[in-house]
Amino acid sequence: MPASPSSSAQTAREALAVRLKHLRVDAGLTGKELSARCGWHPAKTTRIQKGEAAPSDADIRAWCTACGADSQADDLIATARAVDSMYVEWRRLQRNGMRQIQESVYALNEQSSHQRVYVSNVMPGFFQTPAYASALMESITDFHGTPNDVTEAVAARVARSRFLYEGGHRYAVIMEEAVLRYRIGDRETMDGQLRHLLTVMRLPSVSLGVIPFGTERTVWPLEAFYLFDGSRVVVETLTAEVNVVQPRELADYARAFDKLSKMAVFGDRARAHITSAVDALG
């Protein structure tokens, strides 16, 4: 089963730290000597080499210069930036509002031919109606205290649904029954969202499974994750977006998805749970 969702970022950070340490060793420098050349305290060098502190672009350039390896600076900086993008707080991603991140997710959906998605909290973005997306994004904006551009962000999110109808895109979704029952927005909003779900689940590009309440668990409920073409997993936590690219962890998420799928019901049985949720709205 998947470990901590930030473990890919930490593994990559440690790999970068090893590369920097090797540069120092190959240059025949001690930690104190490198620190003196860079003009910082030796404790900073120790933290960077242990992967406990993320070096800035300037730190990496100073390190490479001290080791006589200026030619490696650009590559190491690119690596460090990739590591930094693995675990990114929502407040940072949404510091200018939510529209920009929705547009980047649109591009990721456009490039991916096969998505395997597990959700335990809210509907996947590509299934959301404008009213449901608006209610959800308003609450997220309020919680994080970020600029409110919900109208524009909703338009960017809902635009993703076009790929449900275009060739070359397949969506396999496993949903906890609780997602059908959680009230996002008012009764009318939820009614519209659930009825929309009944419509899109009939599309040839969509496979939708529901894990009913009371199902014996072989995998515990997890945080929502999106597996893109087997090459990247995006995990959504309360505070951050986690991008998983390490092959071992990708395999763990694929295995978890397979096990969750075996717990789900499909077709008429899934529709019955959605219809029951509609009826429960009164």
C-alpha atoms as a PDB file:
ATOM      1  CA  MET A   1       0.000   0.000   0.000  1.00  0.00           C
ATOM      2  CA  PRO A   2       1.155   3.586  -0.581  1.00  0.00           C
ATOM      3  CA  ALA A   3       3.315   5.083   2.145  1.00  0.00           C
ATOM      4  CA  SER A   4       3.318   8.759   3.087  1.00  0.00           C
ATOM      5  CA  PRO A   5       2.205  10.722   0.022  1.00  0.00           C
ATOM      6  CA  SER A   6       5.201  13.025   0.326  1.00  0.00           C
ATOM      7  CA  SER A   7       7.732  10.166   0.247  1.00  0.00           C
ATOM      8  CA  SER A   8       8.449  10.559  -3.493  1.00  0.00           C
ATOM      9  CA  ALA A   9       9.427  14.176  -2.923  1.00  0.00           C
ATOM     10  CA  GLN A  10      11.629  13.252   0.009  1.00  0.00           C
ATOM     11  CA  THR A  11      13.303  10.439  -1.949  1.00  0.00           C
ATOM     12  CA  ALA A  12      14.056  12.807  -4.827  1.00  0.00           C
ATOM     13  CA  ARG A  13      15.319  15.463  -2.407  1.00  0.00           C
ATOM     14  CA  GLU A  14      17.677  12.942  -0.843  1.00  0.00           C
ATOM     15  CA  ALA A  15      18.935  11.880  -4.292  1.00  0.00           C
ATOM     16  CA  LEU A  16      19.742  15.525  -5.084  1.00  0.00           C
ATOM     17  CA  ALA A  17      21.544  15.806  -1.744  1.00  0.00           C
ATOM     18  CA  VAL A  18      23.671  12.773  -2.619  1.00  0.00           C
ATOM     19  CA  ARG A  19      24.664  14.343  -5.945  1.00  0.00           C
ATOM     20  CA  LEU A  20      25.753  17.522  -4.179  1.00  0.00           C
ATOM     21  CA  LYS A  21      27.703  15.547  -1.592  1.00  0.00           C
ATOM     22  CA  HIS A  22      29.497  13.624  -4.341  1.00  0.00           C
ATOM     23  CA  LEU A  23      30.505  16.906  -5.966  1.00  0.00           C
ATOM     24  CA  ARG A  24      32.063  18.034  -2.673  1.00  0.00           C
ATOM     25  CA  VAL A  25      33.862  14.731  -2.122  1.00  0.00           C
ATOM     26  CA  ASP A  26      35.140  14.601  -5.705  1.00  0.00           C
ATOM     27  CA  ALA A  27      36.500  18.126  -5.251  1.00  0.00           C
ATOM     28  CA  GLY A  28      38.404  16.964  -2.172  1.00  0.00           C
ATOM     29  CA  LEU A  29      36.624  19.400   0.129  1.00  0.00           C
ATOM     30  CA  THR A  30      35.419  18.888   3.677  1.00  0.00           C
ATOM     31  CA  GLY A  31      32.039  20.233   4.689  1.00  0.00           C
ATOM     32  CA  LYS A  32      33.692  23.101   6.547  1.00  0.00           C
ATOM     33  CA  GLU A  33      35.878  23.995   3.579  1.00  0.00           C
ATOM     34  CA  LEU A  34      32.919  24.054   1.199  1.00  0.00           C
ATOM     35  CA  SER A  35      30.923  26.148   3.669  1.00  0.00           C
ATOM     36  CA  ALA A  36      33.741  28.660   3.927  1.00  0.00           C
ATOM     37  CA  ARG A  37      33.970  28.980   0.135  1.00  0.00           C
ATOM     38  CA  CYS A  38      30.211  29.445  -0.098  1.00  0.00           C
ATOM     39  CA  GLY A  39      30.117  31.932   2.772  1.00  0.00           C
ATOM     40  CA  TRP A  40      27.602  30.155   4.991  1.00  0.00           C
ATOM     41  CA  HIS A  41      27.550  28.227   8.263  1.00  0.00           C
ATOM     42  CA  PRO A  42      28.673  24.548   8.126  1.00  0.00           C
ATOM     43  CA  ALA A  43      25.292  23.545   9.569  1.00  0.00           C
ATOM     44  CA  LYS A  44      23.667  24.643   6.304  1.00  0.00           C
ATOM     45  CA  THR A  45      25.915  22.314   4.321  1.00  0.00           C
ATOM     46  CA  THR A  46      25.008  19.463   6.663  1.00  0.00           C
ATOM     47  CA  ARG A  47      21.267  20.083   6.292  1.00  0.00           C
ATOM     48  CA  ILE A  48      21.526  20.218   2.489  1.00  0.00           C
ATOM     49  CA  GLN A  49      23.584  17.007   2.342  1.00  0.00           C
ATOM     50  CA  LYS A  50      21.042  15.195   4.531  1.00  0.00           C
ATOM     51  CA  GLY A  51      18.143  16.339   2.376  1.00  0.00           C
ATOM     52  CA  GLU A  52      16.717  18.287   5.310  1.00  0.00           C
ATOM     53  CA  ALA A  53      16.945  21.682   3.587  1.00  0.00           C
ATOM     54  CA  ALA A  54      16.102  22.509  -0.026  1.00  0.00           C
ATOM     55  CA  PRO A  55      18.919  24.492  -1.667  1.00  0.00           C
ATOM     56  CA  SER A  56      18.004  27.629  -3.600  1.00  0.00           C
ATOM     57  CA  ASP A  57      19.227  28.266  -7.142  1.00  0.00           C
ATOM     58  CA  ALA A  58      21.913  30.557  -5.691  1.00  0.00           C
ATOM     59  CA  ASP A  59      22.950  27.883  -3.182  1.00  0.00           C
ATOM     60  CA  ILE A  60      23.451  25.332  -5.953  1.00  0.00           C
ATOM     61  CA  ARG A  61      25.460  27.739  -8.098  1.00  0.00           C
ATOM     62  CA  ALA A  62      27.687  28.628  -5.119  1.00  0.00           C
ATOM     63  CA  TRP A  63      28.145  24.934  -4.309  1.00  0.00           C
ATOM     64  CA  CYS A  64      29.122  24.084  -7.883  1.00  0.00           C
ATOM     65  CA  THR A  65      31.516  27.026  -8.098  1.00  0.00           C
ATOM     66  CA  ALA A  66      33.160  25.976  -4.837  1.00  0.00           C
ATOM     67  CA  CYS A  67      33.630  22.469  -6.251  1.00  0.00           C
ATOM     68  CA  GLY A  68      34.877  23.646  -9.648  1.00  0.00           C
ATOM     69  CA  ALA A  69      31.786  22.160 -11.297  1.00  0.00           C
ATOM     70  CA  ASP A  70      29.982  25.196 -12.745  1.00  0.00           C
ATOM     71  CA  SER A  71      28.951  23.154 -15.786  1.00  0.00           C
ATOM     72  CA  GLN A  72      26.663  21.016 -13.609  1.00  0.00           C
ATOM     73  CA  ALA A  73      24.801  23.906 -12.000  1.00  0.00           C
ATOM     74  CA  ASP A  74      21.981  24.228 -14.550  1.00  0.00           C
ATOM     75  CA  ASP A  75      21.175  20.517 -14.474  1.00  0.00           C
ATOM     76  CA  LEU A  76      21.144  20.433 -10.672  1.00  0.00           C
ATOM     77  CA  ILE A  77      18.941  23.526 -10.520  1.00  0.00           C
ATOM     78  CA  ALA A  78      16.459  21.890 -12.923  1.00  0.00           C
ATOM     79  CA  THR A  79      16.464  18.782 -10.735  1.00  0.00           C
ATOM     80  CA  ALA A  80      15.871  20.832  -7.594  1.00  0.00           C
ATOM     81  CA  ARG A  81      12.931  22.621  -9.199  1.00  0.00           C
ATOM     82  CA  ALA A  82      11.404  19.287 -10.225  1.00  0.00           C
ATOM     83  CA  VAL A  83      11.712  18.075  -6.629  1.00  0.00           C
ATOM     84  CA  ASP A  84      10.088  21.272  -5.432  1.00  0.00           C
ATOM     85  CA  SER A  85       7.083  20.656  -7.681  1.00  0.00           C
ATOM     86  CA  MET A  86       6.445  17.196  -6.235  1.00  0.00           C
ATOM     87  CA  TYR A  87       4.931  18.518  -3.014  1.00  0.00           C
ATOM     88  CA  VAL A  88       3.315  21.918  -3.367  1.00  0.00           C
ATOM     89  CA  GLU A  89       1.017  23.562  -0.841  1.00  0.00           C
ATOM     90  CA  TRP A  90      -2.381  24.651  -2.147  1.00  0.00           C
ATOM     91  CA  ARG A  91      -1.800  28.139  -0.731  1.00  0.00           C
ATOM     92  CA  ARG A  92       1.240  28.440  -2.971  1.00  0.00           C
ATOM     93  CA  LEU A  93      -0.507  26.992  -6.026  1.00  0.00           C
ATOM     94  CA  GLN A  94      -3.552  29.175  -5.463  1.00  0.00           C
ATOM     95  CA  ARG A  95      -1.803  32.355  -4.328  1.00  0.00           C
ATOM     96  CA  ASN A  96      -3.263  34.184  -7.350  1.00  0.00           C
ATOM     97  CA  GLY A  97      -6.541  32.268  -7.339  1.00  0.00           C
ATOM     98  CA  MET A  98      -7.654  28.864  -8.617  1.00  0.00           C
ATOM     99  CA  ARG A  99      -7.984  29.473 -12.360  1.00  0.00           C
ATOM    100  CA  GLN A 100      -4.326  28.937 -13.200  1.00  0.00           C
ATOM    101  CA  ILE A 101      -4.070  25.546 -11.503  1.00  0.00           C
ATOM    102  CA  GLN A 102      -7.309  24.447 -13.197  1.00  0.00           C
ATOM    103  CA  GLU A 103      -5.831  25.343 -16.577  1.00  0.00           C
ATOM    104  CA  SER A 104      -2.693  23.298 -15.836  1.00  0.00           C
ATOM    105  CA  VAL A 105      -4.857  20.316 -14.862  1.00  0.00           C
ATOM    106  CA  TYR A 106      -6.776  20.759 -18.128  1.00  0.00           C
ATOM    107  CA  ALA A 107      -3.501  20.396 -20.024  1.00  0.00           C
ATOM    108  CA  LEU A 108      -2.628  17.262 -18.061  1.00  0.00           C
ATOM    109  CA  ASN A 109      -6.031  15.748 -18.892  1.00  0.00           C
ATOM    110  CA  GLU A 110      -5.587  16.623 -22.548  1.00  0.00           C
ATOM    111  CA  GLN A 111      -2.235  14.832 -22.680  1.00  0.00           C
ATOM    112  CA  SER A 112      -3.413  11.695 -20.841  1.00  0.00           C
ATOM    113  CA  SER A 113      -5.211   8.897 -22.602  1.00  0.00           C
ATOM    114  CA  HIS A 114      -6.068   6.770 -19.560  1.00  0.00           C
ATOM    115  CA  GLN A 115      -6.910   7.951 -16.060  1.00  0.00           C
ATOM    116  CA  ARG A 116      -7.525   5.726 -13.050  1.00  0.00           C
ATOM    117  CA  VAL A 117      -9.151   7.768 -10.322  1.00  0.00           C
ATOM    118  CA  TYR A 118     -10.140   7.004  -6.740  1.00  0.00           C
ATOM    119  CA  VAL A 119     -12.180   9.513  -4.739  1.00  0.00           C
ATOM    120  CA  SER A 120     -13.363   9.358  -1.154  1.00  0.00           C
ATOM    121  CA  ASN A 121     -14.426  12.965  -0.595  1.00  0.00           C
ATOM    122  CA  VAL A 122     -15.771  14.817  -3.657  1.00  0.00           C
ATOM    123  CA  MET A 123     -16.647  14.157  -7.295  1.00  0.00           C
ATOM    124  CA  PRO A 124     -13.717  14.112  -9.750  1.00  0.00           C
ATOM    125  CA  GLY A 125     -13.342  17.478 -11.461  1.00  0.00           C
ATOM    126  CA  PHE A 126     -14.209  16.119 -14.915  1.00  0.00           C
ATOM    127  CA  PHE A 127     -17.582  14.867 -13.561  1.00  0.00           C
ATOM    128  CA  GLN A 128     -18.519  18.078 -11.744  1.00  0.00           C
ATOM    129  CA  THR A 129     -21.403  20.323 -12.780  1.00  0.00           C
ATOM    130  CA  PRO A 130     -20.848  24.099 -12.715  1.00  0.00           C
ATOM    131  CA  ALA A 131     -23.052  24.477  -9.623  1.00  0.00           C
ATOM    132  CA  TYR A 132     -21.251  21.701  -7.720  1.00  0.00           C
ATOM    133  CA  ALA A 133     -17.808  23.024  -8.728  1.00  0.00           C
ATOM    134  CA  SER A 134     -18.807  26.545  -7.652  1.00  0.00           C
ATOM    135  CA  ALA A 135     -19.977  25.423  -4.216  1.00  0.00           C
ATOM    136  CA  LEU A 136     -16.840  23.338  -3.695  1.00  0.00           C
ATOM    137  CA  MET A 137     -14.427  26.025  -4.880  1.00  0.00           C
ATOM    138  CA  GLU A 138     -16.085  28.708  -2.782  1.00  0.00           C
ATOM    139  CA  SER A 139     -15.503  26.611   0.335  1.00  0.00           C
ATOM    140  CA  ILE A 140     -11.872  25.873  -0.634  1.00  0.00           C
ATOM    141  CA  THR A 141     -11.166  29.543  -1.340  1.00  0.00           C
ATOM    142  CA  ASP A 142     -12.698  30.534   1.983  1.00  0.00           C
ATOM    143  CA  PHE A 143     -10.725  27.885   3.886  1.00  0.00           C
ATOM    144  CA  HIS A 144      -7.324  28.736   2.395  1.00  0.00           C
ATOM    145  CA  GLY A 145      -7.960  32.482   2.273  1.00  0.00           C
ATOM    146  CA  THR A 146      -6.792  32.760  -1.335  1.00  0.00           C
ATOM    147  CA  PRO A 147      -8.015  35.249  -3.992  1.00  0.00           C
ATOM    148  CA  ASN A 148     -11.535  34.510  -5.179  1.00  0.00           C
ATOM    149  CA  ASP A 149     -11.634  33.856  -8.918  1.00  0.00           C
ATOM    150  CA  VAL A 150     -14.146  31.031  -8.614  1.00  0.00           C
ATOM    151  CA  THR A 151     -16.143  31.988 -11.705  1.00  0.00           C
ATOM    152  CA  GLU A 152     -13.098  31.729 -13.968  1.00  0.00           C
ATOM    153  CA  ALA A 153     -11.785  28.638 -12.158  1.00  0.00           C
ATOM    154  CA  VAL A 154     -15.102  26.815 -12.533  1.00  0.00           C
ATOM    155  CA  ALA A 155     -15.124  27.475 -16.276  1.00  0.00           C
ATOM    156  CA  ALA A 156     -11.603  26.023 -16.530  1.00  0.00           C
ATOM    157  CA  ARG A 157     -12.528  22.982 -14.442  1.00  0.00           C
ATOM    158  CA  VAL A 158     -15.768  22.183 -16.247  1.00  0.00           C
ATOM    159  CA  ALA A 159     -13.953  22.477 -19.603  1.00  0.00           C
ATOM    160  CA  ARG A 160     -12.194  19.218 -18.703  1.00  0.00           C
ATOM    161  CA  SER A 161     -15.427  17.314 -19.272  1.00  0.00           C
ATOM    162  CA  ARG A 162     -14.972  17.658 -23.049  1.00  0.00           C
ATOM    163  CA  PHE A 163     -12.459  14.800 -22.930  1.00  0.00           C
ATOM    164  CA  LEU A 164     -15.205  12.450 -21.758  1.00  0.00           C
ATOM    165  CA  TYR A 165     -16.752  12.837 -25.193  1.00  0.00           C
ATOM    166  CA  GLU A 166     -13.631  12.886 -27.341  1.00  0.00           C
ATOM    167  CA  GLY A 167     -11.850   9.822 -28.653  1.00  0.00           C
ATOM    168  CA  GLY A 168      -8.580   8.733 -27.145  1.00  0.00           C
ATOM    169  CA  HIS A 169      -9.500   9.359 -23.493  1.00  0.00           C
ATOM    170  CA  ARG A 170     -10.639   6.721 -20.995  1.00  0.00           C
ATOM    171  CA  TYR A 171     -11.664   7.218 -17.378  1.00  0.00           C
ATOM    172  CA  ALA A 172     -11.860   4.456 -14.780  1.00  0.00           C
ATOM    173  CA  VAL A 173     -13.279   5.890 -11.566  1.00  0.00           C
ATOM    174  CA  ILE A 174     -13.771   4.235  -8.193  1.00  0.00           C
ATOM    175  CA  MET A 175     -15.892   6.230  -5.762  1.00  0.00           C
ATOM    176  CA  GLU A 176     -16.748   5.664  -2.129  1.00  0.00           C
ATOM    177  CA  GLU A 177     -20.519   5.725  -1.601  1.00  0.00           C
ATOM    178  CA  ALA A 178     -20.002   8.567   0.870  1.00  0.00           C
ATOM    179  CA  VAL A 179     -19.164  10.863  -2.067  1.00  0.00           C
ATOM    180  CA  LEU A 180     -22.749  10.422  -3.257  1.00  0.00           C
ATOM    181  CA  ARG A 181     -24.056  11.484   0.131  1.00  0.00           C
ATOM    182  CA  TYR A 182     -21.785  14.349   1.124  1.00  0.00           C
ATOM    183  CA  ARG A 183     -23.778  17.562   0.601  1.00  0.00           C
ATOM    184  CA  ILE A 184     -21.739  19.982  -1.473  1.00  0.00           C
ATOM    185  CA  GLY A 185     -23.948  23.003  -2.066  1.00  0.00           C
ATOM    186  CA  ASP A 186     -27.719  22.986  -1.616  1.00  0.00           C
ATOM    187  CA  ARG A 187     -30.225  20.257  -2.427  1.00  0.00           C
ATOM    188  CA  GLU A 188     -30.718  21.447  -6.013  1.00  0.00           C
ATOM    189  CA  THR A 189     -26.962  21.445  -6.594  1.00  0.00           C
ATOM    190  CA  MET A 190     -26.584  17.879  -5.323  1.00  0.00           C
ATOM    191  CA  ASP A 191     -29.612  16.669  -7.246  1.00  0.00           C
ATOM    192  CA  GLY A 192     -28.187  18.087 -10.459  1.00  0.00           C
ATOM    193  CA  GLN A 193     -24.769  16.617  -9.778  1.00  0.00           C
ATOM    194  CA  LEU A 194     -26.063  13.123  -9.056  1.00  0.00           C
ATOM    195  CA  ARG A 195     -28.304  13.113 -12.127  1.00  0.00           C
ATOM    196  CA  HIS A 196     -25.354  14.293 -14.223  1.00  0.00           C
ATOM    197  CA  LEU A 197     -23.349  11.375 -12.835  1.00  0.00           C
ATOM    198  CA  LEU A 198     -26.077   8.974 -13.991  1.00  0.00           C
ATOM    199  CA  THR A 199     -25.715  10.441 -17.481  1.00  0.00           C
ATOM    200  CA  VAL A 200     -21.927  10.425 -17.852  1.00  0.00           C
ATOM    201  CA  MET A 201     -21.495   6.927 -16.431  1.00  0.00           C
ATOM    202  CA  ARG A 202     -23.194   5.611 -19.582  1.00  0.00           C
ATOM    203  CA  LEU A 203     -20.501   7.059 -21.826  1.00  0.00           C
ATOM    204  CA  PRO A 204     -18.233   4.493 -23.528  1.00  0.00           C
ATOM    205  CA  SER A 205     -15.178   6.359 -22.220  1.00  0.00           C
ATOM    206  CA  VAL A 206     -16.260   5.951 -18.592  1.00  0.00           C
ATOM    207  CA  SER A 207     -16.110   3.066 -16.138  1.00  0.00           C
ATOM    208  CA  LEU A 208     -17.617   4.023 -12.768  1.00  0.00           C
ATOM    209  CA  GLY A 209     -17.567   1.818  -9.700  1.00  0.00           C
ATOM    210  CA  VAL A 210     -19.071   2.582  -6.284  1.00  0.00           C
ATOM    211  CA  ILE A 211     -17.787   1.037  -3.051  1.00  0.00           C
ATOM    212  CA  PRO A 212     -20.942   0.596  -0.954  1.00  0.00           C
ATOM    213  CA  PHE A 213     -21.216   1.336   2.734  1.00  0.00           C
ATOM    214  CA  GLY A 214     -20.657  -1.834   4.737  1.00  0.00           C
ATOM    215  CA  THR A 215     -18.281  -3.417   2.226  1.00  0.00           C
ATOM    216  CA  GLU A 216     -15.597  -5.523   3.867  1.00  0.00           C
ATOM    217  CA  ARG A 217     -12.400  -3.585   3.313  1.00  0.00           C
ATOM    218  CA  THR A 218      -9.277  -5.045   1.773  1.00  0.00           C
ATOM    219  CA  VAL A 219      -7.946  -1.477   1.378  1.00  0.00           C
ATOM    220  CA  TRP A 220      -8.750   1.248   3.860  1.00  0.00           C
ATOM    221  CA  PRO A 221     -10.269   4.554   2.602  1.00  0.00           C
ATOM    222  CA  LEU A 222      -7.503   6.672   1.090  1.00  0.00           C
ATOM    223  CA  GLU A 223      -7.095  10.285   0.048  1.00  0.00           C
ATOM    224  CA  ALA A 224      -8.188  11.002  -3.517  1.00  0.00           C
ATOM    225  CA  PHE A 225      -5.643  10.109  -6.176  1.00  0.00           C
ATOM    226  CA  TYR A 226      -5.440  10.423  -9.958  1.00  0.00           C
ATOM    227  CA  LEU A 227      -3.206   8.019 -11.893  1.00  0.00           C
ATOM    228  CA  PHE A 228      -2.287   9.417 -15.317  1.00  0.00           C
ATOM    229  CA  ASP A 229      -1.219   6.825 -17.910  1.00  0.00           C
ATOM    230  CA  GLY A 230       0.776   4.940 -15.304  1.00  0.00           C
ATOM    231  CA  SER A 231       3.468   7.640 -15.312  1.00  0.00           C
ATOM    232  CA  ARG A 232       2.274  10.078 -12.656  1.00  0.00           C
ATOM    233  CA  VAL A 233      -0.040  10.101  -9.669  1.00  0.00           C
ATOM    234  CA  VAL A 234      -1.536  13.280  -8.246  1.00  0.00           C
ATOM    235  CA  VAL A 235      -2.645  12.927  -4.629  1.00  0.00           C
ATOM    236  CA  GLU A 236      -4.857  15.598  -3.097  1.00  0.00           C
ATOM    237  CA  THR A 237      -4.387  16.243   0.615  1.00  0.00           C
ATOM    238  CA  LEU A 238      -5.908  18.989   2.740  1.00  0.00           C
ATOM    239  CA  THR A 239      -2.891  21.253   2.399  1.00  0.00           C
ATOM    240  CA  ALA A 240      -1.003  20.167  -0.712  1.00  0.00           C
ATOM    241  CA  GLU A 241      -0.887  18.568  -4.126  1.00  0.00           C
ATOM    242  CA  VAL A 242       1.523  15.638  -4.166  1.00  0.00           C
ATOM    243  CA  ASN A 243       3.002  14.496  -7.485  1.00  0.00           C
ATOM    244  CA  VAL A 244       4.273  10.909  -7.370  1.00  0.00           C
ATOM    245  CA  VAL A 245       6.638   9.754 -10.108  1.00  0.00           C
ATOM    246  CA  GLN A 246       8.799   7.118  -8.435  1.00  0.00           C
ATOM    247  CA  PRO A 247       8.150   3.762 -10.203  1.00  0.00           C
ATOM    248  CA  ARG A 248       7.829   1.802  -6.943  1.00  0.00           C
ATOM    249  CA  GLU A 249       5.170   4.165  -5.621  1.00  0.00           C
ATOM    250  CA  LEU A 250       3.361   4.296  -8.966  1.00  0.00           C
ATOM    251  CA  ALA A 251       3.114   0.508  -8.778  1.00  0.00           C
ATOM    252  CA  ASP A 252       1.704   0.780  -5.241  1.00  0.00           C
ATOM    253  CA  TYR A 253      -1.030   3.162  -6.361  1.00  0.00           C
ATOM    254  CA  ALA A 254      -1.887   0.972  -9.356  1.00  0.00           C
ATOM    255  CA  ARG A 255      -2.140  -2.032  -7.040  1.00  0.00           C
ATOM    256  CA  ALA A 256      -4.301  -0.095  -4.602  1.00  0.00           C
ATOM    257  CA  PHE A 257      -6.608   0.930  -7.464  1.00  0.00           C
ATOM    258  CA  ASP A 258      -6.975  -2.700  -8.559  1.00  0.00           C
ATOM    259  CA  LYS A 259      -7.888  -3.783  -5.026  1.00  0.00           C
ATOM    260  CA  LEU A 260     -10.345  -0.916  -4.604  1.00  0.00           C
ATOM    261  CA  SER A 261     -11.939  -1.868  -7.938  1.00  0.00           C
ATOM    262  CA  LYS A 262     -12.585  -5.384  -6.659  1.00  0.00           C
ATOM    263  CA  MET A 263     -14.538  -3.896  -3.744  1.00  0.00           C
ATOM    264  CA  ALA A 264     -16.764  -1.760  -6.005  1.00  0.00           C
ATOM    265  CA  VAL A 265     -20.028  -2.454  -7.789  1.00  0.00           C
ATOM    266  CA  PHE A 266     -20.639  -1.377 -11.383  1.00  0.00           C
ATOM    267  CA  GLY A 267     -23.454  -0.974 -13.914  1.00  0.00           C
ATOM    268  CA  ASP A 268     -26.987  -1.288 -12.575  1.00  0.00           C
ATOM    269  CA  ARG A 269     -25.792  -1.861  -9.018  1.00  0.00           C
ATOM    270  CA  ALA A 270     -23.759   1.359  -9.080  1.00  0.00           C
ATOM    271  CA  ARG A 271     -26.709   3.237 -10.605  1.00  0.00           C
ATOM    272  CA  ALA A 272     -28.935   1.962  -7.810  1.00  0.00           C
ATOM    273  CA  HIS A 273     -26.662   3.571  -5.203  1.00  0.00           C
ATOM    274  CA  ILE A 274     -26.687   6.864  -7.088  1.00  0.00           C
ATOM    275  CA  THR A 275     -30.470   6.779  -7.473  1.00  0.00           C
ATOM    276  CA  SER A 276     -30.806   6.026  -3.764  1.00  0.00           C
ATOM    277  CA  ALA A 277     -28.700   9.093  -3.001  1.00  0.00           C
ATOM    278  CA  VAL A 278     -30.972  11.197  -5.239  1.00  0.00           C
ATOM    279  CA  ASP A 279     -34.059   9.874  -3.448  1.00  0.00           C
ATOM    280  CA  ALA A 280     -32.494  10.614  -0.056  1.00  0.00           C
ATOM    281  CA  LEU A 281     -32.349  14.326  -0.943  1.00  0.00           C
ATOM    282  CA  GLY A 282     -36.130  14.380  -0.518  1.00  0.00           C
END
